[in-house]
């Protein structure tokens, strides 16, 4: 299962990962979220996807980020 903020937080507080590992994981999750949202926005602005496709990509990125 891929990391998300909820899973990382739970692992940190369960002492499965240390603070440094938690920081690296969250930084990677945030970077991936940012890149996915920027890619979706670029595709929308170029007209390569519709508004509904854009909203779906953003929702998927948010779900992956927050762990829902």
N, C-alpha and C. Protein backbone atom coordinates (compact mmCIF):
# COMPACT_ATOMS: atom_id res chain seq x y z
N UNK A 1 0.85 -1.17 0.00
CA UNK A 1 0.00 0.00 0.00
C UNK A 1 0.90 1.25 0.00
N UNK A 2 0.58 2.23 -0.87
CA UNK A 2 1.40 3.45 -0.89
C UNK A 2 1.16 4.33 0.34
N UNK A 3 2.15 5.13 0.64
CA UNK A 3 2.05 6.03 1.78
C UNK A 3 1.05 7.15 1.50
N UNK A 4 0.38 7.61 2.56
CA UNK A 4 -0.41 8.82 2.55
C UNK A 4 -0.21 9.47 3.91
N UNK A 5 -0.76 10.67 4.08
CA UNK A 5 -0.50 11.39 5.33
C UNK A 5 -1.04 10.65 6.55
N UNK A 6 -2.23 10.06 6.43
CA UNK A 6 -2.81 9.35 7.57
C UNK A 6 -1.97 8.13 7.95
N UNK A 7 -1.56 7.38 6.96
CA UNK A 7 -0.77 6.18 7.22
C UNK A 7 0.59 6.55 7.81
N UNK A 8 1.22 7.59 7.27
CA UNK A 8 2.51 8.02 7.80
C UNK A 8 2.38 8.51 9.24
N UNK A 9 1.34 9.26 9.51
CA UNK A 9 1.11 9.78 10.88
C UNK A 9 0.91 8.61 11.84
N UNK A 10 0.12 7.65 11.42
CA UNK A 10 -0.14 6.48 12.27
C UNK A 10 1.15 5.69 12.51
N UNK A 11 1.94 5.50 11.47
CA UNK A 11 3.20 4.76 11.62
C UNK A 11 4.16 5.51 12.53
N UNK A 12 4.20 6.82 12.41
CA UNK A 12 5.08 7.63 13.27
C UNK A 12 4.68 7.49 14.73
N UNK A 13 3.41 7.64 15.03
CA UNK A 13 2.96 7.57 16.42
C UNK A 13 2.96 6.15 16.97
N UNK A 14 3.04 5.17 16.10
CA UNK A 14 3.17 3.77 16.54
C UNK A 14 4.63 3.35 16.65
N UNK A 15 5.53 4.31 16.43
CA UNK A 15 6.98 4.07 16.48
C UNK A 15 7.46 3.06 15.44
N UNK A 16 6.76 3.00 14.32
CA UNK A 16 7.21 2.15 13.21
C UNK A 16 8.21 2.88 12.33
N UNK A 17 8.14 4.21 12.34
CA UNK A 17 9.10 5.04 11.62
C UNK A 17 9.53 6.17 12.56
N UNK A 18 10.72 6.71 12.31
CA UNK A 18 11.18 7.81 13.16
C UNK A 18 10.78 9.15 12.54
N UNK A 19 11.12 10.23 13.23
CA UNK A 19 10.72 11.57 12.79
C UNK A 19 11.31 11.94 11.44
N UNK A 20 12.55 11.57 11.21
CA UNK A 20 13.19 11.86 9.92
C UNK A 20 12.48 11.13 8.79
N UNK A 21 12.22 9.84 8.99
CA UNK A 21 11.52 9.06 7.97
C UNK A 21 10.13 9.65 7.70
N UNK A 22 9.44 10.03 8.77
CA UNK A 22 8.13 10.65 8.62
C UNK A 22 8.23 11.92 7.77
N UNK A 23 9.23 12.73 8.05
CA UNK A 23 9.42 13.96 7.29
C UNK A 23 9.67 13.70 5.82
N UNK A 24 10.51 12.72 5.53
CA UNK A 24 10.79 12.37 4.14
C UNK A 24 9.54 11.86 3.43
N UNK A 25 8.78 11.04 4.11
CA UNK A 25 7.56 10.48 3.51
C UNK A 25 6.56 11.59 3.21
N UNK A 26 6.33 12.47 4.18
CA UNK A 26 5.36 13.55 3.98
C UNK A 26 5.84 14.50 2.87
N UNK A 27 7.14 14.79 2.83
CA UNK A 27 7.67 15.66 1.77
C UNK A 27 7.43 15.03 0.40
N UNK A 28 7.64 13.73 0.28
CA UNK A 28 7.42 13.04 -0.98
C UNK A 28 5.94 13.07 -1.37
N UNK A 29 5.06 12.84 -0.39
CA UNK A 29 3.62 12.87 -0.65
C UNK A 29 3.20 14.26 -1.12
N UNK A 30 3.69 15.30 -0.45
CA UNK A 30 3.33 16.67 -0.83
C UNK A 30 3.86 17.00 -2.21
N UNK A 31 5.08 16.57 -2.53
CA UNK A 31 5.65 16.83 -3.85
C UNK A 31 4.84 16.13 -4.93
N UNK A 32 4.48 14.90 -4.70
CA UNK A 32 3.69 14.15 -5.67
C UNK A 32 2.33 14.81 -5.89
N UNK A 33 1.70 15.24 -4.81
CA UNK A 33 0.41 15.94 -4.91
C UNK A 33 0.57 17.21 -5.75
N UNK A 34 1.59 18.01 -5.44
CA UNK A 34 1.82 19.25 -6.18
C UNK A 34 2.04 18.99 -7.66
N UNK A 35 2.89 18.01 -7.98
CA UNK A 35 3.17 17.70 -9.38
C UNK A 35 1.92 17.21 -10.11
N UNK A 36 1.12 16.38 -9.46
CA UNK A 36 -0.11 15.88 -10.08
C UNK A 36 -1.11 17.00 -10.34
N UNK A 37 -1.25 17.90 -9.38
CA UNK A 37 -2.21 19.00 -9.57
C UNK A 37 -1.72 19.96 -10.66
N UNK A 38 -0.41 20.22 -10.71
CA UNK A 38 0.12 21.10 -11.75
C UNK A 38 -0.01 20.47 -13.13
N UNK A 39 0.20 19.16 -13.21
CA UNK A 39 0.04 18.46 -14.48
C UNK A 39 -1.41 18.52 -14.95
N UNK A 40 -2.35 18.31 -14.03
CA UNK A 40 -3.76 18.36 -14.38
C UNK A 40 -4.15 19.77 -14.84
N UNK A 41 -3.65 20.78 -14.17
CA UNK A 41 -3.96 22.15 -14.55
C UNK A 41 -3.40 22.47 -15.93
N UNK A 42 -2.18 22.02 -16.21
CA UNK A 42 -1.57 22.26 -17.51
C UNK A 42 -2.38 21.57 -18.62
N UNK A 43 -2.81 20.35 -18.37
CA UNK A 43 -3.62 19.64 -19.36
C UNK A 43 -4.94 20.36 -19.61
N UNK A 44 -5.54 20.87 -18.56
CA UNK A 44 -6.80 21.61 -18.71
C UNK A 44 -6.59 22.89 -19.51
N UNK A 45 -5.55 23.62 -19.19
CA UNK A 45 -5.29 24.88 -19.90
C UNK A 45 -4.96 24.67 -21.37
N UNK A 46 -4.34 23.52 -21.70
CA UNK A 46 -4.04 23.20 -23.10
C UNK A 46 -5.27 22.67 -23.83
N UNK A 47 -6.32 22.37 -23.09
CA UNK A 47 -7.52 21.83 -23.70
C UNK A 47 -7.45 20.34 -23.96
N UNK A 48 -6.51 19.67 -23.34
CA UNK A 48 -6.34 18.24 -23.55
C UNK A 48 -7.29 17.40 -22.69
N UNK A 49 -7.84 18.00 -21.65
CA UNK A 49 -8.84 17.32 -20.81
C UNK A 49 -9.99 18.29 -20.55
N UNK A 50 -11.13 17.74 -20.18
CA UNK A 50 -12.30 18.55 -19.87
C UNK A 50 -12.26 18.98 -18.40
N UNK A 51 -13.16 19.88 -18.04
CA UNK A 51 -13.25 20.33 -16.65
C UNK A 51 -13.58 19.16 -15.73
N UNK A 52 -14.46 18.27 -16.16
CA UNK A 52 -14.82 17.13 -15.30
C UNK A 52 -13.64 16.17 -15.14
N UNK A 53 -12.86 15.98 -16.20
CA UNK A 53 -11.66 15.14 -16.09
C UNK A 53 -10.64 15.79 -15.14
N UNK A 54 -10.52 17.10 -15.25
CA UNK A 54 -9.63 17.84 -14.35
C UNK A 54 -10.06 17.66 -12.90
N UNK A 55 -11.34 17.83 -12.63
CA UNK A 55 -11.85 17.68 -11.26
C UNK A 55 -11.62 16.27 -10.74
N UNK A 56 -11.76 15.28 -11.62
CA UNK A 56 -11.52 13.89 -11.21
C UNK A 56 -10.04 13.69 -10.85
N UNK A 57 -9.13 14.24 -11.66
CA UNK A 57 -7.70 14.11 -11.36
C UNK A 57 -7.33 14.80 -10.05
N UNK A 58 -7.92 15.96 -9.80
CA UNK A 58 -7.67 16.68 -8.56
C UNK A 58 -8.21 15.88 -7.37
N UNK A 59 -9.39 15.32 -7.51
CA UNK A 59 -9.97 14.51 -6.43
C UNK A 59 -9.10 13.29 -6.14
N UNK A 60 -8.58 12.65 -7.19
CA UNK A 60 -7.71 11.49 -7.00
C UNK A 60 -6.42 11.90 -6.28
N UNK A 61 -5.87 13.05 -6.66
CA UNK A 61 -4.64 13.54 -6.01
C UNK A 61 -4.90 13.84 -4.54
N UNK A 62 -6.03 14.46 -4.24
CA UNK A 62 -6.37 14.76 -2.84
C UNK A 62 -6.56 13.48 -2.03
N UNK A 63 -7.24 12.50 -2.62
CA UNK A 63 -7.45 11.23 -1.93
C UNK A 63 -6.13 10.52 -1.65
N UNK A 64 -5.23 10.54 -2.61
CA UNK A 64 -3.92 9.91 -2.42
C UNK A 64 -3.12 10.68 -1.36
N UNK A 65 -3.25 11.99 -1.34
CA UNK A 65 -2.53 12.82 -0.38
C UNK A 65 -3.03 12.60 1.05
N UNK A 66 -4.34 12.65 1.21
CA UNK A 66 -4.92 12.54 2.56
C UNK A 66 -5.18 11.12 3.01
N UNK A 67 -5.24 10.19 2.07
CA UNK A 67 -5.45 8.80 2.44
C UNK A 67 -6.90 8.40 2.60
N UNK A 68 -7.71 8.86 1.71
CA UNK A 68 -9.13 8.53 1.81
C UNK A 68 -9.53 7.55 0.75
